[in-house]
Amino acid sequence: MSASVSRTATVISMSARDLASLAWRNLAYVRVARSEDVGFFCPDAPLLAPGRDVFVLYGADGNPIFVTDTRESAIANAENEDLEALSLH
């Protein structure tokens, strides 16, 4: 005797950013940026002297959280915010 099983799947559409915020909301990453570029992706940041490398802590959703002059400071800020900073290569 064989039985037929009917299964209905629900498909939910969401952006990669939405998925990241749900799945990895406690993860963060640090990237190097040029000080003169900070205003483009973080308009609330104060104007920085041009020509310097800065370190930006981003949430898993890609939103900048913190800008600083050292990687160590960015990672410490992640820890203070209960985030796990990942290394991207």
PDB file of N, CA and C in Angstrom:
ATOM      1  N   MET A   1       0.845  -1.157   0.000  1.00  0.00           N
ATOM      2  CA  MET A   1       0.000   0.000   0.000  1.00  0.00           C
ATOM      3  C   MET A   1       0.900   1.232   0.000  1.00  0.00           C
ATOM      4  N   SER A   2       0.618   2.168  -0.868  1.00  0.00           N
ATOM      5  CA  SER A   2       1.386   3.403  -0.904  1.00  0.00           C
ATOM      6  C   SER A   2       0.480   4.560  -0.540  1.00  0.00           C
ATOM      7  N   ALA A   3       1.085   5.518   0.120  1.00  0.00           N
ATOM      8  CA  ALA A   3       0.331   6.692   0.519  1.00  0.00           C
ATOM      9  C   ALA A   3       0.961   7.917  -0.126  1.00  0.00           C
ATOM     10  N   SER A   4       0.141   8.829  -0.490  1.00  0.00           N
ATOM     11  CA  SER A   4       0.611  10.068  -1.079  1.00  0.00           C
ATOM     12  C   SER A   4       0.588  11.149  -0.003  1.00  0.00           C
ATOM     13  N   VAL A   5       1.693  11.813   0.163  1.00  0.00           N
ATOM     14  CA  VAL A   5       1.781  12.880   1.157  1.00  0.00           C
ATOM     15  C   VAL A   5       1.808  14.202   0.423  1.00  0.00           C
ATOM     16  N   SER A   6       0.925  15.050   0.801  1.00  0.00           N
ATOM     17  CA  SER A   6       0.877  16.371   0.201  1.00  0.00           C
ATOM     18  C   SER A   6       1.573  17.358   1.132  1.00  0.00           C
ATOM     19  N   ARG A   7       2.541  18.060   0.622  1.00  0.00           N
ATOM     20  CA  ARG A   7       3.256  19.055   1.419  1.00  0.00           C
ATOM     21  C   ARG A   7       3.139  20.400   0.730  1.00  0.00           C
ATOM     22  N   THR A   8       2.855  21.378   1.519  1.00  0.00           N
ATOM     23  CA  THR A   8       2.760  22.733   1.000  1.00  0.00           C
ATOM     24  C   THR A   8       3.915  23.539   1.562  1.00  0.00           C
ATOM     25  N   ALA A   9       4.659  24.161   0.696  1.00  0.00           N
ATOM     26  CA  ALA A   9       5.777  24.989   1.130  1.00  0.00           C
ATOM     27  C   ALA A   9       5.367  26.448   1.056  1.00  0.00           C
ATOM     28  N   THR A  10       5.801  27.175   2.058  1.00  0.00           N
ATOM     29  CA  THR A  10       5.584  28.607   2.059  1.00  0.00           C
ATOM     30  C   THR A  10       6.893  29.275   1.674  1.00  0.00           C
ATOM     31  N   VAL A  11       6.854  30.088   0.677  1.00  0.00           N
ATOM     32  CA  VAL A  11       8.047  30.795   0.220  1.00  0.00           C
ATOM     33  C   VAL A  11       7.970  32.225   0.729  1.00  0.00           C
ATOM     34  N   ILE A  12       9.033  32.617   1.415  1.00  0.00           N
ATOM     35  CA  ILE A  12       9.111  33.972   1.938  1.00  0.00           C
ATOM     36  C   ILE A  12      10.231  34.680   1.193  1.00  0.00           C
ATOM     37  N   SER A  13       9.931  35.813   0.659  1.00  0.00           N
ATOM     38  CA  SER A  13      10.930  36.583  -0.060  1.00  0.00           C
ATOM     39  C   SER A  13      11.518  37.639   0.868  1.00  0.00           C
ATOM     40  N   MET A  14      12.846  37.670   0.949  1.00  0.00           N
ATOM     41  CA  MET A  14      13.502  38.716   1.735  1.00  0.00           C
ATOM     42  C   MET A  14      14.848  39.029   1.114  1.00  0.00           C
ATOM     43  N   SER A  15      15.296  40.221   1.369  1.00  0.00           N
ATOM     44  CA  SER A  15      16.581  40.645   0.818  1.00  0.00           C
ATOM     45  C   SER A  15      17.717  40.006   1.611  1.00  0.00           C
ATOM     46  N   ALA A  16      18.904  40.032   1.022  1.00  0.00           N
ATOM     47  CA  ALA A  16      20.083  39.520   1.711  1.00  0.00           C
ATOM     48  C   ALA A  16      20.334  40.306   2.991  1.00  0.00           C
ATOM     49  N   ARG A  17      20.059  41.586   2.949  1.00  0.00           N
ATOM     50  CA  ARG A  17      20.253  42.430   4.138  1.00  0.00           C
ATOM     51  C   ARG A  17      19.296  42.012   5.249  1.00  0.00           C
ATOM     52  N   ASP A  18      18.030  41.737   4.888  1.00  0.00           N
ATOM     53  CA  ASP A  18      17.060  41.277   5.891  1.00  0.00           C
ATOM     54  C   ASP A  18      17.479  39.938   6.472  1.00  0.00           C
ATOM     55  N   LEU A  19      17.933  39.038   5.615  1.00  0.00           N
ATOM     56  CA  LEU A  19      18.373  37.731   6.085  1.00  0.00           C
ATOM     57  C   LEU A  19      19.551  37.875   7.033  1.00  0.00           C
ATOM     58  N   ALA A  20      20.499  38.721   6.686  1.00  0.00           N
ATOM     59  CA  ALA A  20      21.666  38.921   7.540  1.00  0.00           C
ATOM     60  C   ALA A  20      21.264  39.466   8.897  1.00  0.00           C
ATOM     61  N   SER A  21      20.324  40.377   8.917  1.00  0.00           N
ATOM     62  CA  SER A  21      19.932  40.954  10.197  1.00  0.00           C
ATOM     63  C   SER A  21      19.197  39.946  11.068  1.00  0.00           C
ATOM     64  N   LEU A  22      18.523  38.985  10.451  1.00  0.00           N
ATOM     65  CA  LEU A  22      17.847  37.942  11.226  1.00  0.00           C
ATOM     66  C   LEU A  22      18.824  36.859  11.669  1.00  0.00           C
ATOM     67  N   ALA A  23      19.626  36.393  10.742  1.00  0.00           N
ATOM     68  CA  ALA A  23      20.478  35.245  11.012  1.00  0.00           C
ATOM     69  C   ALA A  23      21.735  35.592  11.802  1.00  0.00           C
ATOM     70  N   TRP A  24      22.294  36.749  11.556  1.00  0.00           N
ATOM     71  CA  TRP A  24      23.589  37.059  12.146  1.00  0.00           C
ATOM     72  C   TRP A  24      23.594  38.385  12.876  1.00  0.00           C
ATOM     73  N   ARG A  25      22.524  38.686  13.565  1.00  0.00           N
ATOM     74  CA  ARG A  25      22.431  40.012  14.172  1.00  0.00           C
ATOM     75  C   ARG A  25      23.491  40.279  15.219  1.00  0.00           C
ATOM     76  N   ASN A  26      24.164  39.250  15.737  1.00  0.00           N
ATOM     77  CA  ASN A  26      25.217  39.495  16.721  1.00  0.00           C
ATOM     78  C   ASN A  26      26.620  39.431  16.110  1.00  0.00           C
ATOM     79  N   LEU A  27      26.709  39.394  14.792  1.00  0.00           N
ATOM     80  CA  LEU A  27      28.002  39.381  14.124  1.00  0.00           C
ATOM     81  C   LEU A  27      28.316  40.749  13.540  1.00  0.00           C
ATOM     82  N   ALA A  28      29.600  41.038  13.445  1.00  0.00           N
ATOM     83  CA  ALA A  28      30.055  42.300  12.869  1.00  0.00           C
ATOM     84  C   ALA A  28      31.364  42.046  12.142  1.00  0.00           C
ATOM     85  N   TYR A  29      31.782  42.999  11.336  1.00  0.00           N
ATOM     86  CA  TYR A  29      33.075  42.888  10.669  1.00  0.00           C
ATOM     87  C   TYR A  29      33.721  44.255  10.601  1.00  0.00           C
ATOM     88  N   VAL A  30      35.038  44.242  10.468  1.00  0.00           N
ATOM     89  CA  VAL A  30      35.835  45.471  10.420  1.00  0.00           C
ATOM     90  C   VAL A  30      36.468  45.580   9.043  1.00  0.00           C
ATOM     91  N   ARG A  31      36.378  46.772   8.470  1.00  0.00           N
ATOM     92  CA  ARG A  31      37.021  47.049   7.177  1.00  0.00           C
ATOM     93  C   ARG A  31      37.817  48.335   7.278  1.00  0.00           C
ATOM     94  N   VAL A  32      38.849  48.406   6.494  1.00  0.00           N
ATOM     95  CA  VAL A  32      39.651  49.626   6.410  1.00  0.00           C
ATOM     96  C   VAL A  32      39.008  50.536   5.379  1.00  0.00           C
ATOM     97  N   ALA A  33      38.988  51.831   5.675  1.00  0.00           N
ATOM     98  CA  ALA A  33      38.469  52.828   4.732  1.00  0.00           C
ATOM     99  C   ALA A  33      39.395  54.040   4.768  1.00  0.00           C
ATOM    100  N   ARG A  34      39.296  54.866   3.774  1.00  0.00           N
ATOM    101  CA  ARG A  34      40.038  56.133   3.762  1.00  0.00           C
ATOM    102  C   ARG A  34      39.214  57.166   4.518  1.00  0.00           C
ATOM    103  N   SER A  35      39.877  57.974   5.297  1.00  0.00           N
ATOM    104  CA  SER A  35      39.178  58.955   6.126  1.00  0.00           C
ATOM    105  C   SER A  35      38.310  59.900   5.301  1.00  0.00           C
ATOM    106  N   GLU A  36      38.750  60.243   4.088  1.00  0.00           N
ATOM    107  CA  GLU A  36      37.969  61.167   3.261  1.00  0.00           C
ATOM    108  C   GLU A  36      36.699  60.527   2.705  1.00  0.00           C
ATOM    109  N   ASP A  37      36.588  59.199   2.782  1.00  0.00           N
ATOM    110  CA  ASP A  37      35.409  58.495   2.267  1.00  0.00           C
ATOM    111  C   ASP A  37      34.337  58.235   3.325  1.00  0.00           C
ATOM    112  N   VAL A  38      34.657  58.447   4.581  1.00  0.00           N
ATOM    113  CA  VAL A  38      33.724  58.119   5.675  1.00  0.00           C
ATOM    114  C   VAL A  38      32.396  58.854   5.516  1.00  0.00           C
ATOM    115  N   GLY A  39      32.413  60.088   5.115  1.00  0.00           N
ATOM    116  CA  GLY A  39      31.192  60.866   4.957  1.00  0.00           C
ATOM    117  C   GLY A  39      30.213  60.286   3.950  1.00  0.00           C
ATOM    118  N   PHE A  40      30.693  59.499   2.993  1.00  0.00           N
ATOM    119  CA  PHE A  40      29.819  58.901   1.983  1.00  0.00           C
ATOM    120  C   PHE A  40      28.956  57.780   2.545  1.00  0.00           C
ATOM    121  N   PHE A  41      29.515  56.990   3.453  1.00  0.00           N
ATOM    122  CA  PHE A  41      28.750  55.866   3.985  1.00  0.00           C
ATOM    123  C   PHE A  41      28.310  56.068   5.428  1.00  0.00           C
ATOM    124  N   CYS A  42      28.772  57.121   6.064  1.00  0.00           N
ATOM    125  CA  CYS A  42      28.390  57.417   7.440  1.00  0.00           C
ATOM    126  C   CYS A  42      28.225  58.940   7.576  1.00  0.00           C
ATOM    127  N   PRO A  43      27.117  59.477   7.066  1.00  0.00           N
ATOM    128  CA  PRO A  43      26.959  60.931   7.000  1.00  0.00           C
ATOM    129  C   PRO A  43      26.931  61.628   8.362  1.00  0.00           C
ATOM    130  N   ASP A  44      26.665  60.906   9.429  1.00  0.00           N
ATOM    131  CA  ASP A  44      26.630  61.516  10.764  1.00  0.00           C
ATOM    132  C   ASP A  44      28.017  61.631  11.401  1.00  0.00           C
ATOM    133  N   ALA A  45      29.014  61.020  10.779  1.00  0.00           N
ATOM    134  CA  ALA A  45      30.370  61.068  11.336  1.00  0.00           C
ATOM    135  C   ALA A  45      30.948  62.473  11.182  1.00  0.00           C
ATOM    136  N   PRO A  46      31.782  62.870  12.125  1.00  0.00           N
ATOM    137  CA  PRO A  46      32.435  64.185  11.984  1.00  0.00           C
ATOM    138  C   PRO A  46      33.401  64.170  10.804  1.00  0.00           C
ATOM    139  N   LEU A  47      33.700  65.325  10.278  1.00  0.00           N
ATOM    140  CA  LEU A  47      34.646  65.454   9.175  1.00  0.00           C
ATOM    141  C   LEU A  47      36.035  65.044   9.667  1.00  0.00           C
ATOM    142  N   LEU A  48      36.674  64.162   8.937  1.00  0.00           N
ATOM    143  CA  LEU A  48      37.999  63.674   9.320  1.00  0.00           C
ATOM    144  C   LEU A  48      39.052  64.235   8.380  1.00  0.00           C
ATOM    145  N   ALA A  49      40.260  64.373   8.899  1.00  0.00           N
ATOM    146  CA  ALA A  49      41.372  64.833   8.064  1.00  0.00           C
ATOM    147  C   ALA A  49      41.603  63.812   6.958  1.00  0.00           C
ATOM    148  N   PRO A  50      41.780  64.267   5.722  1.00  0.00           N
ATOM    149  CA  PRO A  50      41.959  63.328   4.602  1.00  0.00           C
ATOM    150  C   PRO A  50      43.319  62.633   4.649  1.00  0.00           C
ATOM    151  N   GLY A  51      43.385  61.496   3.937  1.00  0.00           N
ATOM    152  CA  GLY A  51      44.654  60.818   3.748  1.00  0.00           C
ATOM    153  C   GLY A  51      45.031  59.802   4.806  1.00  0.00           C
ATOM    154  N   ARG A  52      44.084  59.417   5.637  1.00  0.00           N
ATOM    155  CA  ARG A  52      44.386  58.447   6.692  1.00  0.00           C
ATOM    156  C   ARG A  52      43.530  57.202   6.534  1.00  0.00           C
ATOM    157  N   ASP A  53      44.071  56.069   6.974  1.00  0.00           N
ATOM    158  CA  ASP A  53      43.279  54.858   7.061  1.00  0.00           C
ATOM    159  C   ASP A  53      42.501  54.882   8.365  1.00  0.00           C
ATOM    160  N   VAL A  54      41.231  54.514   8.309  1.00  0.00           N
ATOM    161  CA  VAL A  54      40.404  54.363   9.503  1.00  0.00           C
ATOM    162  C   VAL A  54      39.785  52.971   9.458  1.00  0.00           C
ATOM    163  N   PHE A  55      39.293  52.521  10.584  1.00  0.00           N
ATOM    164  CA  PHE A  55      38.701  51.187  10.690  1.00  0.00           C
ATOM    165  C   PHE A  55      37.227  51.357  11.019  1.00  0.00           C
ATOM    166  N   VAL A  56      36.395  50.697  10.226  1.00  0.00           N
ATOM    167  CA  VAL A  56      34.951  50.836  10.368  1.00  0.00           C
ATOM    168  C   VAL A  56      34.376  49.496  10.810  1.00  0.00           C
ATOM    169  N   LEU A  57      33.619  49.531  11.897  1.00  0.00           N
ATOM    170  CA  LEU A  57      32.905  48.352  12.366  1.00  0.00           C
ATOM    171  C   LEU A  57      31.526  48.377  11.725  1.00  0.00           C
ATOM    172  N   TYR A  58      31.197  47.294  11.014  1.00  0.00           N
ATOM    173  CA  TYR A  58      29.909  47.165  10.341  1.00  0.00           C
ATOM    174  C   TYR A  58      29.113  46.044  10.993  1.00  0.00           C
ATOM    175  N   GLY A  59      27.803  46.215  11.062  1.00  0.00           N
ATOM    176  CA  GLY A  59      26.932  45.123  11.450  1.00  0.00           C
ATOM    177  C   GLY A  59      26.822  44.150  10.297  1.00  0.00           C
ATOM    178  N   ALA A  60      26.312  42.950  10.576  1.00  0.00           N
ATOM    179  CA  ALA A  60      26.172  41.929   9.534  1.00  0.00           C
ATOM    180  C   ALA A  60      25.284  42.407   8.393  1.00  0.00           C
ATOM    181  N   ASP A  61      24.420  43.374   8.664  1.00  0.00           N
ATOM    182  CA  ASP A  61      23.532  43.904   7.626  1.00  0.00           C
ATOM    183  C   ASP A  61      24.214  44.945   6.745  1.00  0.00           C
ATOM    184  N   GLY A  62      25.484  45.242   7.036  1.00  0.00           N
ATOM    185  CA  GLY A  62      26.236  46.185   6.213  1.00  0.00           C
ATOM    186  C   GLY A  62      26.171  47.626   6.671  1.00  0.00           C
ATOM    187  N   ASN A  63      25.452  47.891   7.744  1.00  0.00           N
ATOM    188  CA  ASN A  63      25.374  49.266   8.252  1.00  0.00           C
ATOM    189  C   ASN A  63      26.579  49.579   9.130  1.00  0.00           C
ATOM    190  N   PRO A  64      27.222  50.746   8.922  1.00  0.00           N
ATOM    191  CA  PRO A  64      28.362  51.114   9.761  1.00  0.00           C
ATOM    192  C   PRO A  64      27.889  51.408  11.180  1.00  0.00           C
ATOM    193  N   ILE A  65      28.686  50.966  12.149  1.00  0.00           N
ATOM    194  CA  ILE A  65      28.357  51.151  13.558  1.00  0.00           C
ATOM    195  C   ILE A  65      29.320  52.116  14.223  1.00  0.00           C
ATOM    196  N   PHE A  66      30.611  52.028  13.865  1.00  0.00           N
ATOM    197  CA  PHE A  66      31.650  52.734  14.607  1.00  0.00           C
ATOM    198  C   PHE A  66      32.835  52.986  13.688  1.00  0.00           C
ATOM    199  N   VAL A  67      33.437  54.159  13.780  1.00  0.00           N
ATOM    200  CA  VAL A  67      34.636  54.505  13.015  1.00  0.00           C
ATOM    201  C   VAL A  67      35.721  54.894  14.007  1.00  0.00           C
ATOM    202  N   THR A  68      36.916  54.332  13.811  1.00  0.00           N
ATOM    203  CA  THR A  68      38.017  54.613  14.731  1.00  0.00           C
ATOM    204  C   THR A  68      39.349  54.553  13.989  1.00  0.00           C
ATOM    205  N   ASP A  69      40.416  54.890  14.686  1.00  0.00           N
ATOM    206  CA  ASP A  69      41.728  54.905  14.033  1.00  0.00           C
ATOM    207  C   ASP A  69      42.527  53.622  14.221  1.00  0.00           C
ATOM    208  N   THR A  70      42.013  52.650  15.004  1.00  0.00           N
ATOM    209  CA  THR A  70      42.727  51.380  15.164  1.00  0.00           C
ATOM    210  C   THR A  70      41.761  50.200  15.048  1.00  0.00           C
ATOM    211  N   ARG A  71      42.273  49.101  14.539  1.00  0.00           N
ATOM    212  CA  ARG A  71      41.489  47.867  14.451  1.00  0.00           C
ATOM    213  C   ARG A  71      41.117  47.384  15.862  1.00  0.00           C
ATOM    214  N   GLU A  72      42.046  47.511  16.795  1.00  0.00           N
ATOM    215  CA  GLU A  72      41.802  47.063  18.161  1.00  0.00           C
ATOM    216  C   GLU A  72      40.624  47.804  18.792  1.00  0.00           C
ATOM    217  N   SER A  73      40.537  49.090  18.531  1.00  0.00           N
ATOM    218  CA  SER A  73      39.431  49.889  19.059  1.00  0.00           C
ATOM    219  C   SER A  73      38.104  49.467  18.446  1.00  0.00           C
ATOM    220  N   ALA A  74      38.112  49.152  17.171  1.00  0.00           N
ATOM    221  CA  ALA A  74      36.891  48.696  16.502  1.00  0.00           C
ATOM    222  C   ALA A  74      36.423  47.366  17.089  1.00  0.00           C
ATOM    223  N   ILE A  75      37.366  46.455  17.324  1.00  0.00           N
ATOM    224  CA  ILE A  75      37.023  45.154  17.899  1.00  0.00           C
ATOM    225  C   ILE A  75      36.551  45.309  19.335  1.00  0.00           C
ATOM    226  N   ALA A  76      37.184  46.190  20.105  1.00  0.00           N
ATOM    227  CA  ALA A  76      36.746  46.441  21.477  1.00  0.00           C
ATOM    228  C   ALA A  76      35.328  47.002  21.496  1.00  0.00           C
ATOM    229  N   ASN A  77      35.007  47.875  20.542  1.00  0.00           N
ATOM    230  CA  ASN A  77      33.650  48.413  20.473  1.00  0.00           C
ATOM    231  C   ASN A  77      32.654  47.312  20.150  1.00  0.00           C
ATOM    232  N   ALA A  78      33.029  46.387  19.277  1.00  0.00           N
ATOM    233  CA  ALA A  78      32.153  45.261  18.960  1.00  0.00           C
ATOM    234  C   ALA A  78      31.861  44.464  20.226  1.00  0.00           C
ATOM    235  N   GLU A  79      32.896  44.188  21.000  1.00  0.00           N
ATOM    236  CA  GLU A  79      32.715  43.436  22.244  1.00  0.00           C
ATOM    237  C   GLU A  79      31.818  44.183  23.220  1.00  0.00           C
ATOM    238  N   ASN A  80      31.980  45.505  23.298  1.00  0.00           N
ATOM    239  CA  ASN A  80      31.130  46.322  24.186  1.00  0.00           C
ATOM    240  C   ASN A  80      29.666  46.274  23.768  1.00  0.00           C
ATOM    241  N   GLU A  81      29.418  46.065  22.478  1.00  0.00           N
ATOM    242  CA  GLU A  81      28.053  46.005  21.948  1.00  0.00           C
ATOM    243  C   GLU A  81      27.534  44.557  21.878  1.00  0.00           C
ATOM    244  N   ASP A  82      28.267  43.623  22.503  1.00  0.00           N
ATOM    245  CA  ASP A  82      27.920  42.196  22.479  1.00  0.00           C
ATOM    246  C   ASP A  82      27.858  41.643  21.059  1.00  0.00           C
ATOM    247  N   LEU A  83      28.788  42.092  20.226  1.00  0.00           N
ATOM    248  CA  LEU A  83      28.915  41.602  18.857  1.00  0.00           C
ATOM    249  C   LEU A  83      30.190  40.790  18.732  1.00  0.00           C
ATOM    250  N   GLU A  84      30.176  39.821  17.862  1.00  0.00           N
ATOM    251  CA  GLU A  84      31.374  39.051  17.566  1.00  0.00           C
ATOM    252  C   GLU A  84      31.954  39.563  16.268  1.00  0.00           C
ATOM    253  N   ALA A  85      33.142  40.142  16.331  1.00  0.00           N
ATOM    254  CA  ALA A  85      33.786  40.695  15.142  1.00  0.00           C
ATOM    255  C   ALA A  85      34.474  39.578  14.372  1.00  0.00           C
ATOM    256  N   LEU A  86      34.148  39.473  13.097  1.00  0.00           N
ATOM    257  CA  LEU A  86      34.742  38.470  12.215  1.00  0.00           C
ATOM    258  C   LEU A  86      35.825  39.103  11.388  1.00  0.00           C
ATOM    259  N   SER A  87      36.773  38.289  10.989  1.00  0.00           N
ATOM    260  CA  SER A  87      37.839  38.736  10.109  1.00  0.00           C
ATOM    261  C   SER A  87      37.484  38.375   8.684  1.00  0.00           C
ATOM    262  N   LEU A  88      37.490  39.330   7.802  1.00  0.00           N
ATOM    263  CA  LEU A  88      37.206  39.082   6.399  1.00  0.00           C
ATOM    264  C   LEU A  88      38.492  39.171   5.605  1.00  0.00           C
ATOM    265  N   HIS A  89      38.698  38.216   4.706  1.00  0.00           N
ATOM    266  CA  HIS A  89      39.912  38.219   3.886  1.00  0.00           C
ATOM    267  C   HIS A  89      39.554  38.272   2.443  1.00  0.00           C
TER     268      HIS A  89
END
